[in-house]
């Protein structure tokens, strides 16, 4: 009776399945290294967050000028 680690390699020789995804491949802008084509699906709130950050930094900068 074998206990502990398996001695035959039949478990590690399972068939690997290909994962097919519907995510677009490549780049959003063909000549640009950034962003990837799936950027909009991975980070849908990015435009909103970027706008809020720009407004906050703009208000901070304007308050420093006064």
N, C-alpha and C. Protein backbone atom coordinates (compact mmCIF):
# COMPACT_ATOMS: atom_id res chain seq x y z
N UNK A 1 0.84 -1.17 0.00
CA UNK A 1 0.00 0.00 0.00
C UNK A 1 0.89 1.24 0.00
N UNK A 2 0.78 2.04 -1.08
CA UNK A 2 1.60 3.25 -1.20
C UNK A 2 0.89 4.43 -0.55
N UNK A 3 1.62 5.12 0.27
CA UNK A 3 1.11 6.33 0.89
C UNK A 3 2.06 7.48 0.55
N UNK A 4 1.53 8.68 0.57
CA UNK A 4 2.37 9.83 0.28
C UNK A 4 2.29 10.21 -1.19
N UNK A 5 3.42 10.52 -1.79
CA UNK A 5 3.46 10.99 -3.16
C UNK A 5 3.20 9.85 -4.14
N UNK A 6 2.50 10.16 -5.22
CA UNK A 6 2.19 9.15 -6.25
C UNK A 6 3.46 8.80 -7.00
N UNK A 7 3.56 7.55 -7.40
CA UNK A 7 4.76 7.10 -8.10
C UNK A 7 4.59 7.09 -9.61
N UNK A 8 3.36 7.02 -10.12
CA UNK A 8 3.21 7.05 -11.57
C UNK A 8 2.81 8.45 -12.02
N UNK A 9 3.08 8.75 -13.27
CA UNK A 9 2.87 10.09 -13.79
C UNK A 9 1.58 10.22 -14.58
N UNK A 10 0.64 9.33 -14.41
CA UNK A 10 -0.59 9.38 -15.19
C UNK A 10 -1.43 10.61 -14.87
N UNK A 11 -1.33 11.10 -13.66
CA UNK A 11 -2.10 12.27 -13.26
C UNK A 11 -1.59 13.51 -13.98
N UNK A 12 -0.29 13.64 -14.16
CA UNK A 12 0.28 14.83 -14.78
C UNK A 12 0.18 14.82 -16.30
N UNK A 13 -0.27 13.72 -16.89
CA UNK A 13 -0.37 13.61 -18.33
C UNK A 13 -1.79 13.85 -18.83
N UNK A 14 -2.57 14.63 -18.11
CA UNK A 14 -3.93 14.94 -18.52
C UNK A 14 -3.90 15.84 -19.75
N UNK A 15 -4.96 15.78 -20.53
CA UNK A 15 -5.05 16.60 -21.73
C UNK A 15 -5.36 18.03 -21.32
N UNK A 16 -4.58 18.96 -21.86
CA UNK A 16 -4.78 20.37 -21.56
C UNK A 16 -5.84 20.92 -22.51
N UNK A 17 -6.82 21.63 -21.96
CA UNK A 17 -7.87 22.23 -22.76
C UNK A 17 -7.52 23.67 -23.07
N UNK A 18 -7.84 24.10 -24.27
CA UNK A 18 -7.61 25.49 -24.64
C UNK A 18 -8.78 26.32 -24.15
N UNK A 19 -8.46 27.45 -23.56
CA UNK A 19 -9.48 28.36 -23.08
C UNK A 19 -9.71 29.40 -24.18
N UNK A 20 -10.91 29.41 -24.71
CA UNK A 20 -11.26 30.37 -25.76
C UNK A 20 -11.99 31.53 -25.11
N UNK A 21 -11.45 32.72 -25.30
CA UNK A 21 -12.09 33.90 -24.72
C UNK A 21 -12.59 34.80 -25.83
N UNK A 22 -13.60 35.57 -25.51
CA UNK A 22 -14.17 36.49 -26.47
C UNK A 22 -13.52 37.86 -26.38
N UNK A 23 -12.50 38.00 -25.54
CA UNK A 23 -11.83 39.28 -25.39
C UNK A 23 -11.03 39.59 -26.66
N UNK A 24 -11.04 40.84 -27.08
CA UNK A 24 -10.27 41.21 -28.27
C UNK A 24 -8.78 41.12 -28.00
N UNK A 25 -8.06 40.75 -29.01
CA UNK A 25 -6.60 40.64 -28.91
C UNK A 25 -5.98 41.84 -29.61
N UNK A 26 -4.71 42.10 -29.33
CA UNK A 26 -4.01 43.17 -30.01
C UNK A 26 -4.08 44.47 -29.23
N UNK A 27 -4.06 45.57 -29.96
CA UNK A 27 -4.02 46.90 -29.36
C UNK A 27 -5.25 47.72 -29.76
N UNK A 28 -5.64 48.63 -28.88
CA UNK A 28 -6.75 49.53 -29.17
C UNK A 28 -6.37 50.49 -30.29
N UNK A 29 -5.16 51.01 -30.23
CA UNK A 29 -4.58 51.83 -31.29
C UNK A 29 -3.46 50.99 -31.90
N UNK A 30 -3.53 50.71 -33.19
CA UNK A 30 -2.64 49.73 -33.80
C UNK A 30 -1.15 50.05 -33.64
N UNK A 31 -0.77 51.32 -33.70
CA UNK A 31 0.64 51.69 -33.63
C UNK A 31 1.12 51.95 -32.21
N UNK A 32 0.22 51.95 -31.24
CA UNK A 32 0.57 52.29 -29.87
C UNK A 32 0.80 51.04 -29.03
N UNK A 33 1.81 51.05 -28.17
CA UNK A 33 2.01 49.90 -27.28
C UNK A 33 1.02 49.84 -26.13
N UNK A 34 0.24 50.92 -25.93
CA UNK A 34 -0.72 50.98 -24.84
C UNK A 34 -1.94 51.72 -25.33
N UNK A 35 -3.11 51.45 -24.98
CA UNK A 35 -3.61 50.39 -24.12
C UNK A 35 -3.92 49.12 -24.90
N UNK A 36 -3.99 47.99 -24.23
CA UNK A 36 -4.40 46.76 -24.91
C UNK A 36 -5.87 46.85 -25.32
N UNK A 37 -6.26 46.00 -26.25
CA UNK A 37 -7.63 46.05 -26.78
C UNK A 37 -8.68 45.75 -25.72
N UNK A 38 -8.34 44.96 -24.70
CA UNK A 38 -9.32 44.62 -23.67
C UNK A 38 -9.32 45.61 -22.51
N UNK A 39 -8.68 46.76 -22.67
CA UNK A 39 -8.58 47.75 -21.60
C UNK A 39 -9.95 48.27 -21.19
N UNK A 40 -10.82 48.51 -22.18
CA UNK A 40 -12.14 49.06 -21.86
C UNK A 40 -13.01 48.07 -21.11
N UNK A 41 -12.82 46.79 -21.33
CA UNK A 41 -13.62 45.80 -20.61
C UNK A 41 -13.04 45.50 -19.23
N UNK A 42 -11.73 45.64 -19.07
CA UNK A 42 -11.12 45.36 -17.77
C UNK A 42 -11.30 46.51 -16.79
N UNK A 43 -11.30 47.75 -17.30
CA UNK A 43 -11.39 48.93 -16.44
C UNK A 43 -12.48 49.87 -16.95
N UNK A 44 -13.75 49.53 -16.78
CA UNK A 44 -14.82 50.36 -17.35
C UNK A 44 -14.96 51.73 -16.68
N UNK A 45 -14.49 51.89 -15.45
CA UNK A 45 -14.64 53.16 -14.74
C UNK A 45 -13.45 54.09 -14.95
N UNK A 46 -12.50 53.70 -15.77
CA UNK A 46 -11.29 54.49 -15.96
C UNK A 46 -11.56 55.93 -16.41
N UNK A 47 -12.42 56.19 -17.41
CA UNK A 47 -12.66 57.59 -17.79
C UNK A 47 -13.24 58.43 -16.66
N UNK A 48 -14.15 57.87 -15.89
CA UNK A 48 -14.74 58.59 -14.76
C UNK A 48 -13.70 58.91 -13.70
N UNK A 49 -12.90 57.92 -13.34
CA UNK A 49 -11.89 58.10 -12.31
C UNK A 49 -10.84 59.11 -12.77
N UNK A 50 -10.43 59.04 -14.02
CA UNK A 50 -9.45 59.98 -14.55
C UNK A 50 -10.01 61.41 -14.52
N UNK A 51 -11.27 61.58 -14.87
CA UNK A 51 -11.91 62.90 -14.84
C UNK A 51 -11.94 63.45 -13.42
N UNK A 52 -12.29 62.62 -12.46
CA UNK A 52 -12.34 63.06 -11.05
C UNK A 52 -10.94 63.46 -10.58
N UNK A 53 -9.94 62.68 -10.93
CA UNK A 53 -8.57 63.00 -10.53
C UNK A 53 -8.12 64.32 -11.13
N UNK A 54 -8.42 64.55 -12.41
CA UNK A 54 -8.04 65.80 -13.07
C UNK A 54 -8.74 66.98 -12.40
N UNK A 55 -10.02 66.84 -12.07
CA UNK A 55 -10.75 67.93 -11.41
C UNK A 55 -10.17 68.22 -10.02
N UNK A 56 -9.87 67.20 -9.25
CA UNK A 56 -9.32 67.39 -7.91
C UNK A 56 -7.95 68.07 -7.98
N UNK A 57 -7.09 67.61 -8.88
CA UNK A 57 -5.77 68.23 -9.02
C UNK A 57 -5.90 69.66 -9.53
N UNK A 58 -6.84 69.91 -10.45
CA UNK A 58 -7.07 71.26 -10.95
C UNK A 58 -7.53 72.19 -9.86
N UNK A 59 -8.44 71.75 -9.01
CA UNK A 59 -8.92 72.59 -7.91
C UNK A 59 -7.80 72.86 -6.90
N UNK A 60 -6.99 71.86 -6.65
CA UNK A 60 -5.85 72.03 -5.74
C UNK A 60 -4.87 73.05 -6.30
N UNK A 61 -4.60 72.95 -7.59
CA UNK A 61 -3.67 73.88 -8.23
C UNK A 61 -4.21 75.31 -8.21
N UNK A 62 -5.50 75.46 -8.50
CA UNK A 62 -6.12 76.79 -8.49
C UNK A 62 -6.10 77.38 -7.08
N UNK A 63 -6.32 76.54 -6.08
CA UNK A 63 -6.31 77.05 -4.71
C UNK A 63 -4.90 77.49 -4.28
N UNK A 64 -3.88 76.89 -4.86
CA UNK A 64 -2.50 77.31 -4.54
C UNK A 64 -2.19 78.67 -5.18
N UNK A 65 -2.80 78.99 -6.30
CA UNK A 65 -2.54 80.24 -6.98
C UNK A 65 -3.19 81.44 -6.28
N UNK A 66 -4.19 81.20 -5.48
CA UNK A 66 -4.89 82.31 -4.80
C UNK A 66 -4.15 82.78 -3.58
